[in-house]
Amino acid sequence: MASGGRRALHWRASRQWHARTRGHTGRILTDRNRQVTCYTKHTSNGIVFHAQDGQAISEGDPLSRTMLSITLTLLLALLAATGGCKLFAAPFLMWGKEPTKEVPAEYPYLPGRKVCVLVWADFETLFEYSWVQLEVSEHVAGAMKSNVPGISFIPNRQAIELQRREPDWDRSDPAVLGARLGADRVLLIELTQYTTREPESPHLYRGRIAANVKVYDTAYRNSAPVFKTSLETVYPPDSVGQWGTDDVAIRKATMEAFAQNLAGKFYDRQVKVK
């Protein structure tokens, strides 16, 4: 091995090649899964590996230039594939971490409260999906219990029984209904859309739930809601439709996604930076 720019390589019991030099050191895995310690040196040709598998590589060796070229090509390809705003996220993706940001709760006053969920749907939806009120309320309660500390719920079947016993329940004050059931707050979900297929492509399954959401304080009867919002959930979110599934599976997945989106209005959470 040439002297001056490189020093002798030493064999150690750990079966690693160690190079001592003024340059930087690093370790790579060869195609035989042998770990090799190399050192690098900046030259006119770029960064060059001077030791690999116990063999010295000259500064102008084609192998060193090829390794550098492949590394740079892969890195540039990754950055190009991410594109736009996602370019910033590329270093995080390389190490398995994606950037997130904190989104505060829009209504942070449900922890420790007892909530009654009331779901309204039009006649056509109720005719096609007779248990939609119970299904939606169960999914929403489950998502909120998992994320809102100390929240509790009036049994959803108890609320459904009241709705079916009193067909004109939707003309009553929600705060009064909630107080009758022993709740502190009423979460009223007015379904404005509940479908499992694309209108123009009925052979494609794609769930869509849209709703107006209102929260009432049962201590203040005949009053405006203390919080209201609207949201829409589409599943699958990034596809025109889904093949090879059925109505039950798509409804379940859509309600789960809707429940998570709705629950997110009531607690601080971390979301991925898009």
C-alpha atoms as a PDB file:
ATOM      1  CA  MET A   1       0.000   0.000   0.000  1.00  0.00           C
ATOM      2  CA  ALA A   2       1.303   3.465  -0.864  1.00  0.00           C
ATOM      3  CA  SER A   3       2.692   5.556   1.954  1.00  0.00           C
ATOM      4  CA  GLY A   4       2.186   9.249   2.730  1.00  0.00           C
ATOM      5  CA  GLY A   5      -1.560   9.539   2.040  1.00  0.00           C
ATOM      6  CA  ARG A   6      -2.551   6.285   3.788  1.00  0.00           C
ATOM      7  CA  ARG A   7      -1.188   4.221   6.674  1.00  0.00           C
ATOM      8  CA  ALA A   8      -1.178   0.512   7.224  1.00  0.00           C
ATOM      9  CA  LEU A   9      -4.440  -1.389   7.784  1.00  0.00           C
ATOM     10  CA  HIS A  10      -4.639  -3.454  10.971  1.00  0.00           C
ATOM     11  CA  TRP A  11      -6.564  -6.733  11.414  1.00  0.00           C
ATOM     12  CA  ARG A  12      -8.385  -7.063  14.733  1.00  0.00           C
ATOM     13  CA  ALA A  13     -10.223  -9.876  16.517  1.00  0.00           C
ATOM     14  CA  SER A  14     -13.607  -8.328  15.672  1.00  0.00           C
ATOM     15  CA  ARG A  15     -12.902  -9.116  11.986  1.00  0.00           C
ATOM     16  CA  GLN A  16     -13.134  -5.484  11.008  1.00  0.00           C
ATOM     17  CA  TRP A  17     -10.620  -3.607   8.893  1.00  0.00           C
ATOM     18  CA  HIS A  18      -9.528  -0.415  10.636  1.00  0.00           C
ATOM     19  CA  ALA A  19      -7.809   2.412   8.809  1.00  0.00           C
ATOM     20  CA  ARG A  20      -5.918   5.117  10.572  1.00  0.00           C
ATOM     21  CA  THR A  21      -5.677   8.351   8.672  1.00  0.00           C
ATOM     22  CA  ARG A  22      -6.244  12.042   8.949  1.00  0.00           C
ATOM     23  CA  GLY A  23      -9.369  11.666   6.833  1.00  0.00           C
ATOM     24  CA  HIS A  24     -12.868  10.800   8.038  1.00  0.00           C
ATOM     25  CA  THR A  25     -13.770   7.237   8.939  1.00  0.00           C
ATOM     26  CA  GLY A  26     -16.991   5.341   8.343  1.00  0.00           C
ATOM     27  CA  ARG A  27     -18.343   1.792   8.081  1.00  0.00           C
ATOM     28  CA  ILE A  28     -20.108   0.093   5.226  1.00  0.00           C
ATOM     29  CA  LEU A  29     -21.543  -3.393   4.688  1.00  0.00           C
ATOM     30  CA  THR A  30     -20.293  -5.316   1.696  1.00  0.00           C
ATOM     31  CA  ASP A  31     -22.415  -7.706  -0.342  1.00  0.00           C
ATOM     32  CA  ARG A  32     -21.008 -10.519   1.838  1.00  0.00           C
ATOM     33  CA  ASN A  33     -22.397  -8.793   4.956  1.00  0.00           C
ATOM     34  CA  ARG A  34     -18.880  -8.112   6.183  1.00  0.00           C
ATOM     35  CA  GLN A  35     -18.476  -4.880   8.064  1.00  0.00           C
ATOM     36  CA  VAL A  36     -15.532  -2.814   6.857  1.00  0.00           C
ATOM     37  CA  THR A  37     -14.158   0.371   8.309  1.00  0.00           C
ATOM     38  CA  CYS A  38     -13.040   2.830   5.660  1.00  0.00           C
ATOM     39  CA  TYR A  39     -11.649   6.306   5.626  1.00  0.00           C
ATOM     40  CA  THR A  40     -12.395   9.019   3.135  1.00  0.00           C
ATOM     41  CA  LYS A  41     -10.437  11.826   1.597  1.00  0.00           C
ATOM     42  CA  HIS A  42     -11.597  14.822  -0.377  1.00  0.00           C
ATOM     43  CA  THR A  43      -9.880  15.002  -3.761  1.00  0.00           C
ATOM     44  CA  SER A  44     -10.494  16.716  -7.058  1.00  0.00           C
ATOM     45  CA  ASN A  45     -12.694  13.755  -7.973  1.00  0.00           C
ATOM     46  CA  GLY A  46     -14.843  14.100  -4.862  1.00  0.00           C
ATOM     47  CA  ILE A  47     -15.083  11.867  -1.781  1.00  0.00           C
ATOM     48  CA  VAL A  48     -13.200   8.600  -2.259  1.00  0.00           C
ATOM     49  CA  PHE A  49     -13.146   5.398  -0.205  1.00  0.00           C
ATOM     50  CA  HIS A  50      -9.504   4.454   0.294  1.00  0.00           C
ATOM     51  CA  ALA A  51      -9.972   1.055   1.931  1.00  0.00           C
ATOM     52  CA  GLN A  52     -12.482  -1.709   1.300  1.00  0.00           C
ATOM     53  CA  ASP A  53     -12.242  -5.449   2.004  1.00  0.00           C
ATOM     54  CA  GLY A  54      -8.654  -4.911   2.976  1.00  0.00           C
ATOM     55  CA  GLN A  55      -7.701  -3.532  -0.436  1.00  0.00           C
ATOM     56  CA  ALA A  56      -6.507  -0.002  -1.007  1.00  0.00           C
ATOM     57  CA  ILE A  57      -8.368   1.985  -3.632  1.00  0.00           C
ATOM     58  CA  SER A  58      -6.561   4.799  -5.376  1.00  0.00           C
ATOM     59  CA  GLU A  59      -8.023   8.262  -5.583  1.00  0.00           C
ATOM     60  CA  GLY A  60      -8.818   7.871  -9.227  1.00  0.00           C
ATOM     61  CA  ASP A  61     -10.247   4.349  -8.954  1.00  0.00           C
ATOM     62  CA  PRO A  62     -13.498   3.956 -11.015  1.00  0.00           C
ATOM     63  CA  LEU A  63     -15.118   1.981  -8.174  1.00  0.00           C
ATOM     64  CA  SER A  64     -14.913   4.921  -5.777  1.00  0.00           C
ATOM     65  CA  ARG A  65     -16.388   7.290  -8.334  1.00  0.00           C
ATOM     66  CA  THR A  66     -19.171   4.797  -9.114  1.00  0.00           C
ATOM     67  CA  MET A  67     -20.133   4.459  -5.451  1.00  0.00           C
ATOM     68  CA  LEU A  68     -20.292   8.238  -5.090  1.00  0.00           C
ATOM     69  CA  SER A  69     -22.328   8.585  -8.275  1.00  0.00           C
ATOM     70  CA  ILE A  70     -24.851   5.949  -7.185  1.00  0.00           C
ATOM     71  CA  THR A  71     -25.266   7.571  -3.757  1.00  0.00           C
ATOM     72  CA  LEU A  72     -25.855  11.028  -5.222  1.00  0.00           C
ATOM     73  CA  THR A  73     -28.219   9.685  -7.881  1.00  0.00           C
ATOM     74  CA  LEU A  74     -30.393   7.914  -5.284  1.00  0.00           C
ATOM     75  CA  LEU A  75     -30.496  11.005  -3.088  1.00  0.00           C
ATOM     76  CA  LEU A  76     -31.510  13.287  -5.976  1.00  0.00           C
ATOM     77  CA  ALA A  77     -34.155  10.794  -7.079  1.00  0.00           C
ATOM     78  CA  LEU A  78     -35.648  10.774  -3.586  1.00  0.00           C
ATOM     79  CA  LEU A  79     -35.761  14.558  -3.442  1.00  0.00           C
ATOM     80  CA  ALA A  80     -37.330  14.785  -6.901  1.00  0.00           C
ATOM     81  CA  ALA A  81     -39.964  12.190  -6.034  1.00  0.00           C
ATOM     82  CA  THR A  82     -41.078  14.090  -2.939  1.00  0.00           C
ATOM     83  CA  GLY A  83     -41.478  17.356  -4.899  1.00  0.00           C
ATOM     84  CA  GLY A  84     -42.935  20.724  -3.861  1.00  0.00           C
ATOM     85  CA  CYS A  85     -43.470  21.287  -0.160  1.00  0.00           C
ATOM     86  CA  LYS A  86     -42.598  17.684   0.551  1.00  0.00           C
ATOM     87  CA  LEU A  87     -38.978  18.486  -0.341  1.00  0.00           C
ATOM     88  CA  PHE A  88     -38.527  19.743   3.207  1.00  0.00           C
ATOM     89  CA  ALA A  89     -39.699  16.399   4.569  1.00  0.00           C
ATOM     90  CA  ALA A  90     -37.157  14.319   2.621  1.00  0.00           C
ATOM     91  CA  PRO A  91     -34.459  14.257   5.372  1.00  0.00           C
ATOM     92  CA  PHE A  92     -37.084  13.081   7.872  1.00  0.00           C
ATOM     93  CA  LEU A  93     -38.324  10.357   5.533  1.00  0.00           C
ATOM     94  CA  MET A  94     -34.776   9.034   5.082  1.00  0.00           C
ATOM     95  CA  TRP A  95     -34.558   8.356   8.821  1.00  0.00           C
ATOM     96  CA  GLY A  96     -38.135   7.068   9.172  1.00  0.00           C
ATOM     97  CA  LYS A  97     -39.601  10.191  10.802  1.00  0.00           C
ATOM     98  CA  GLU A  98     -42.192  12.438   9.229  1.00  0.00           C
ATOM     99  CA  PRO A  99     -42.650  16.056  10.312  1.00  0.00           C
ATOM    100  CA  THR A 100     -45.800  16.760  12.321  1.00  0.00           C
ATOM    101  CA  LYS A 101     -47.518  19.797  13.719  1.00  0.00           C
ATOM    102  CA  GLU A 102     -49.808  20.250  16.702  1.00  0.00           C
ATOM    103  CA  VAL A 103     -53.449  21.078  16.040  1.00  0.00           C
ATOM    104  CA  PRO A 104     -55.286  22.425  19.095  1.00  0.00           C
ATOM    105  CA  ALA A 105     -58.803  21.336  19.991  1.00  0.00           C
ATOM    106  CA  GLU A 106     -61.552  23.493  18.525  1.00  0.00           C
ATOM    107  CA  TYR A 107     -63.720  22.822  21.579  1.00  0.00           C
ATOM    108  CA  PRO A 108     -61.543  21.655  24.518  1.00  0.00           C
ATOM    109  CA  TYR A 109     -64.285  21.495  27.142  1.00  0.00           C
ATOM    110  CA  LEU A 110     -65.476  17.886  26.955  1.00  0.00           C
ATOM    111  CA  PRO A 111     -62.910  16.168  29.226  1.00  0.00           C
ATOM    112  CA  GLY A 112     -64.684  14.915  32.348  1.00  0.00           C
ATOM    113  CA  ARG A 113     -68.146  15.513  30.876  1.00  0.00           C
ATOM    114  CA  LYS A 114     -71.005  13.071  30.369  1.00  0.00           C
ATOM    115  CA  VAL A 115     -72.192  13.323  26.772  1.00  0.00           C
ATOM    116  CA  CYS A 116     -75.341  12.231  24.990  1.00  0.00           C
ATOM    117  CA  VAL A 117     -74.944  11.580  21.246  1.00  0.00           C
ATOM    118  CA  LEU A 118     -77.989  12.230  19.081  1.00  0.00           C
ATOM    119  CA  VAL A 119     -77.785  11.384  15.375  1.00  0.00           C
ATOM    120  CA  TRP A 120     -80.261  12.812  12.871  1.00  0.00           C
ATOM    121  CA  ALA A 121     -80.675  11.345   9.355  1.00  0.00           C
ATOM    122  CA  ASP A 122     -83.229  11.892   6.609  1.00  0.00           C
ATOM    123  CA  PHE A 123     -85.969   9.379   5.831  1.00  0.00           C
ATOM    124  CA  GLU A 124     -84.223   7.862   2.797  1.00  0.00           C
ATOM    125  CA  THR A 125     -81.040   7.164   4.765  1.00  0.00           C
ATOM    126  CA  LEU A 126     -82.989   5.655   7.653  1.00  0.00           C
ATOM    127  CA  PHE A 127     -84.992   3.513   5.231  1.00  0.00           C
ATOM    128  CA  GLU A 128     -81.848   2.087   3.609  1.00  0.00           C
ATOM    129  CA  TYR A 129     -79.753   1.891   6.794  1.00  0.00           C
ATOM    130  CA  SER A 130     -82.174   1.450   9.676  1.00  0.00           C
ATOM    131  CA  TRP A 131     -79.406   1.258  12.305  1.00  0.00           C
ATOM    132  CA  VAL A 132     -77.320   4.161  11.023  1.00  0.00           C
ATOM    133  CA  GLN A 133     -77.996   6.292  14.116  1.00  0.00           C
ATOM    134  CA  LEU A 134     -76.703   3.644  16.491  1.00  0.00           C
ATOM    135  CA  GLU A 135     -73.747   2.738  14.269  1.00  0.00           C
ATOM    136  CA  VAL A 136     -72.553   6.322  13.900  1.00  0.00           C
ATOM    137  CA  SER A 137     -73.012   7.125  17.589  1.00  0.00           C
ATOM    138  CA  GLU A 138     -71.117   3.982  18.638  1.00  0.00           C
ATOM    139  CA  HIS A 139     -68.167   4.787  16.366  1.00  0.00           C
ATOM    140  CA  VAL A 140     -68.044   8.395  17.540  1.00  0.00           C
ATOM    141  CA  ALA A 141     -68.230   7.456  21.224  1.00  0.00           C
ATOM    142  CA  GLY A 142     -65.453   4.901  20.774  1.00  0.00           C
ATOM    143  CA  ALA A 143     -63.133   7.379  19.047  1.00  0.00           C
ATOM    144  CA  MET A 144     -63.729  10.069  21.653  1.00  0.00           C
ATOM    145  CA  LYS A 145     -63.238   7.734  24.615  1.00  0.00           C
ATOM    146  CA  SER A 146     -59.824   6.835  23.202  1.00  0.00           C
ATOM    147  CA  ASN A 147     -58.680  10.443  22.933  1.00  0.00           C
ATOM    148  CA  VAL A 148     -60.648  12.770  25.249  1.00  0.00           C
ATOM    149  CA  PRO A 149     -59.607  12.271  28.893  1.00  0.00           C
ATOM    150  CA  GLY A 150     -62.367  11.477  31.384  1.00  0.00           C
ATOM    151  CA  ILE A 151     -65.230  11.730  28.908  1.00  0.00           C
ATOM    152  CA  SER A 152     -68.225   9.410  29.401  1.00  0.00           C
ATOM    153  CA  PHE A 153     -71.411   8.759  27.458  1.00  0.00           C
ATOM    154  CA  ILE A 154     -75.058   8.071  28.033  1.00  0.00           C
ATOM    155  CA  PRO A 155     -75.565   4.544  26.582  1.00  0.00           C
ATOM    156  CA  ASN A 156     -76.257   5.079  22.893  1.00  0.00           C
ATOM    157  CA  ARG A 157     -79.080   2.548  22.869  1.00  0.00           C
ATOM    158  CA  GLN A 158     -80.815   4.612  25.535  1.00  0.00           C
ATOM    159  CA  ALA A 159     -80.645   7.674  23.281  1.00  0.00           C
ATOM    160  CA  ILE A 160     -81.928   5.628  20.311  1.00  0.00           C
ATOM    161  CA  GLU A 161     -84.866   4.369  22.365  1.00  0.00           C
ATOM    162  CA  LEU A 162     -85.823   7.971  23.180  1.00  0.00           C
ATOM    163  CA  GLN A 163     -85.626   8.931  19.494  1.00  0.00           C
ATOM    164  CA  ARG A 164     -87.835   6.050  18.400  1.00  0.00           C
ATOM    165  CA  ARG A 165     -90.263   6.531  21.240  1.00  0.00           C
ATOM    166  CA  GLU A 166     -90.636  10.193  20.313  1.00  0.00           C
ATOM    167  CA  PRO A 167     -90.677  10.506  16.496  1.00  0.00           C
ATOM    168  CA  ASP A 168     -90.672  14.316  16.712  1.00  0.00           C
ATOM    169  CA  TRP A 169     -87.614  14.400  18.952  1.00  0.00           C
ATOM    170  CA  ASP A 170     -85.752  16.563  16.419  1.00  0.00           C
ATOM    171  CA  ARG A 171     -88.230  19.398  17.071  1.00  0.00           C
ATOM    172  CA  SER A 172     -87.360  19.447  20.770  1.00  0.00           C
ATOM    173  CA  ASP A 173     -84.564  21.385  22.407  1.00  0.00           C
ATOM    174  CA  PRO A 174     -81.483  19.110  22.412  1.00  0.00           C
ATOM    175  CA  ALA A 175     -80.423  20.495  25.787  1.00  0.00           C
ATOM    176  CA  VAL A 176     -83.755  19.410  27.293  1.00  0.00           C
ATOM    177  CA  LEU A 177     -83.435  15.908  25.839  1.00  0.00           C
ATOM    178  CA  GLY A 178     -79.892  15.603  27.163  1.00  0.00           C
ATOM    179  CA  ALA A 179     -80.938  16.758  30.631  1.00  0.00           C
ATOM    180  CA  ARG A 180     -83.700  14.138  30.698  1.00  0.00           C
ATOM    181  CA  LEU A 181     -81.074  11.459  30.060  1.00  0.00           C
ATOM    182  CA  GLY A 182     -78.667  12.856  32.662  1.00  0.00           C
ATOM    183  CA  ALA A 183     -76.038  14.315  30.320  1.00  0.00           C
ATOM    184  CA  ASP A 184     -73.882  17.428  30.748  1.00  0.00           C
ATOM    185  CA  ARG A 185     -73.511  17.994  27.013  1.00  0.00           C
ATOM    186  CA  VAL A 186     -75.419  16.907  23.914  1.00  0.00           C
ATOM    187  CA  LEU A 187     -73.479  16.099  20.751  1.00  0.00           C
ATOM    188  CA  LEU A 188     -75.944  16.464  17.881  1.00  0.00           C
ATOM    189  CA  ILE A 189     -74.788  14.987  14.558  1.00  0.00           C
ATOM    190  CA  GLU A 190     -76.989  15.943  11.605  1.00  0.00           C
ATOM    191  CA  LEU A 191     -76.104  13.658   8.700  1.00  0.00           C
ATOM    192  CA  THR A 192     -76.421  15.547   5.421  1.00  0.00           C
ATOM    193  CA  GLN A 193     -74.854  12.778   3.328  1.00  0.00           C
ATOM    194  CA  TYR A 194     -74.322   9.073   3.962  1.00  0.00           C
ATOM    195  CA  THR A 195     -73.414   7.076   0.863  1.00  0.00           C
ATOM    196  CA  THR A 196     -71.192   4.158  -0.081  1.00  0.00           C
ATOM    197  CA  ARG A 197     -70.950   4.596  -3.867  1.00  0.00           C
ATOM    198  CA  GLU A 198     -69.910   7.344  -6.223  1.00  0.00           C
ATOM    199  CA  PRO A 199     -73.035   8.997  -7.718  1.00  0.00           C
ATOM    200  CA  GLU A 200     -71.729   8.774 -11.294  1.00  0.00           C
ATOM    201  CA  SER A 201     -70.052   5.370 -10.854  1.00  0.00           C
ATOM    202  CA  PRO A 202     -72.392   3.146  -8.827  1.00  0.00           C
ATOM    203  CA  HIS A 203     -70.166   0.117  -9.436  1.00  0.00           C
ATOM    204  CA  LEU A 204     -67.337   1.770  -7.449  1.00  0.00           C
ATOM    205  CA  TYR A 205     -67.439   1.724  -3.669  1.00  0.00           C
ATOM    206  CA  ARG A 206     -66.449   4.997  -2.017  1.00  0.00           C
ATOM    207  CA  GLY A 207     -67.892   6.020   1.317  1.00  0.00           C
ATOM    208  CA  ARG A 208     -68.867   9.601   2.012  1.00  0.00           C
ATOM    209  CA  ILE A 209     -70.263  11.038   5.259  1.00  0.00           C
ATOM    210  CA  ALA A 210     -71.023  14.719   5.676  1.00  0.00           C
ATOM    211  CA  ALA A 211     -72.562  16.235   8.783  1.00  0.00           C
ATOM    212  CA  ASN A 212     -73.332  19.368  10.736  1.00  0.00           C
ATOM    213  CA  VAL A 213     -72.161  18.939  14.326  1.00  0.00           C
ATOM    214  CA  LYS A 214     -73.416  20.920  17.316  1.00  0.00           C
ATOM    215  CA  VAL A 215     -72.677  20.772  21.031  1.00  0.00           C
ATOM    216  CA  TYR A 216     -75.301  21.895  23.577  1.00  0.00           C
ATOM    217  CA  ASP A 217     -74.817  22.593  27.270  1.00  0.00           C
ATOM    218  CA  THR A 218     -77.764  21.013  29.123  1.00  0.00           C
ATOM    219  CA  ALA A 219     -77.501  23.682  31.832  1.00  0.00           C
ATOM    220  CA  TYR A 220     -78.693  26.291  29.323  1.00  0.00           C
ATOM    221  CA  ARG A 221     -82.013  25.295  27.814  1.00  0.00           C
ATOM    222  CA  ASN A 222     -83.444  26.935  24.720  1.00  0.00           C
ATOM    223  CA  SER A 223     -80.001  28.361  23.948  1.00  0.00           C
ATOM    224  CA  ALA A 224     -77.753  28.315  20.927  1.00  0.00           C
ATOM    225  CA  PRO A 225     -75.147  25.577  20.682  1.00  0.00           C
ATOM    226  CA  VAL A 226     -71.889  26.281  22.500  1.00  0.00           C
ATOM    227  CA  PHE A 227     -69.978  24.851  19.549  1.00  0.00           C
ATOM    228  CA  LYS A 228     -70.791  23.975  15.954  1.00  0.00           C
ATOM    229  CA  THR A 229     -68.869  22.812  12.918  1.00  0.00           C
ATOM    230  CA  SER A 230     -69.269  20.920   9.662  1.00  0.00           C
ATOM    231  CA  LEU A 231     -67.144  18.127   8.298  1.00  0.00           C
ATOM    232  CA  GLU A 232     -67.011  15.674   5.438  1.00  0.00           C
ATOM    233  CA  THR A 233     -65.164  12.351   5.322  1.00  0.00           C
ATOM    234  CA  VAL A 234     -64.418  10.370   2.180  1.00  0.00           C
ATOM    235  CA  TYR A 235     -63.055   6.820   2.156  1.00  0.00           C
ATOM    236  CA  PRO A 236     -60.802   5.830   0.494  1.00  0.00           C
ATOM    237  CA  PRO A 237     -59.529   9.422   0.658  1.00  0.00           C
ATOM    238  CA  ASP A 238     -57.037   9.273  -2.239  1.00  0.00           C
ATOM    239  CA  SER A 239     -58.870   7.067  -4.707  1.00  0.00           C
ATOM    240  CA  VAL A 240     -61.797   7.325  -7.098  1.00  0.00           C
ATOM    241  CA  GLY A 241     -63.205   4.124  -5.672  1.00  0.00           C
ATOM    242  CA  GLN A 242     -62.414   0.693  -4.356  1.00  0.00           C
ATOM    243  CA  TRP A 243     -62.887  -2.675  -5.996  1.00  0.00           C
ATOM    244  CA  GLY A 244     -63.188  -6.056  -4.326  1.00  0.00           C
ATOM    245  CA  THR A 245     -65.073  -4.910  -1.238  1.00  0.00           C
ATOM    246  CA  ASP A 246     -68.705  -4.766  -0.142  1.00  0.00           C
ATOM    247  CA  ASP A 247     -71.164  -2.291   1.301  1.00  0.00           C
ATOM    248  CA  VAL A 248     -70.663  -3.410   4.908  1.00  0.00           C
ATOM    249  CA  ALA A 249     -66.861  -3.116   4.775  1.00  0.00           C
ATOM    250  CA  ILE A 250     -66.893   0.303   3.111  1.00  0.00           C
ATOM    251  CA  ARG A 251     -69.479   1.665   5.552  1.00  0.00           C
ATOM    252  CA  LYS A 252     -67.466   0.452   8.534  1.00  0.00           C
ATOM    253  CA  ALA A 253     -64.223   1.981   7.258  1.00  0.00           C
ATOM    254  CA  THR A 254     -65.943   5.273   6.413  1.00  0.00           C
ATOM    255  CA  MET A 255     -67.621   5.535   9.821  1.00  0.00           C
ATOM    256  CA  GLU A 256     -64.311   4.827  11.563  1.00  0.00           C
ATOM    257  CA  ALA A 257     -62.611   7.593   9.581  1.00  0.00           C
ATOM    258  CA  PHE A 258     -65.515   9.988  10.202  1.00  0.00           C
ATOM    259  CA  ALA A 259     -65.450   9.262  13.939  1.00  0.00           C
ATOM    260  CA  GLN A 260     -61.719   9.973  14.130  1.00  0.00           C
ATOM    261  CA  ASN A 261     -62.132  13.232  12.220  1.00  0.00           C
ATOM    262  CA  LEU A 262     -64.963  14.317  14.496  1.00  0.00           C
ATOM    263  CA  ALA A 263     -63.176  13.330  17.700  1.00  0.00           C
ATOM    264  CA  GLY A 264     -60.191  15.401  16.557  1.00  0.00           C
ATOM    265  CA  LYS A 265     -62.259  18.548  17.066  1.00  0.00           C
ATOM    266  CA  PHE A 266     -62.201  17.981  20.822  1.00  0.00           C
ATOM    267  CA  TYR A 267     -58.570  17.270  21.756  1.00  0.00           C
ATOM    268  CA  ASP A 268     -55.070  18.516  20.934  1.00  0.00           C
ATOM    269  CA  ARG A 269     -53.403  16.238  18.407  1.00  0.00           C
ATOM    270  CA  GLN A 270     -50.372  15.824  16.173  1.00  0.00           C
ATOM    271  CA  VAL A 271     -50.981  15.625  12.424  1.00  0.00           C
ATOM    272  CA  LYS A 272     -48.603  14.980   9.543  1.00  0.00           C
ATOM    273  CA  VAL A 273     -47.350  17.968   7.595  1.00  0.00           C
ATOM    274  CA  LYS A 274     -48.670  17.708   4.035  1.00  0.00           C
END
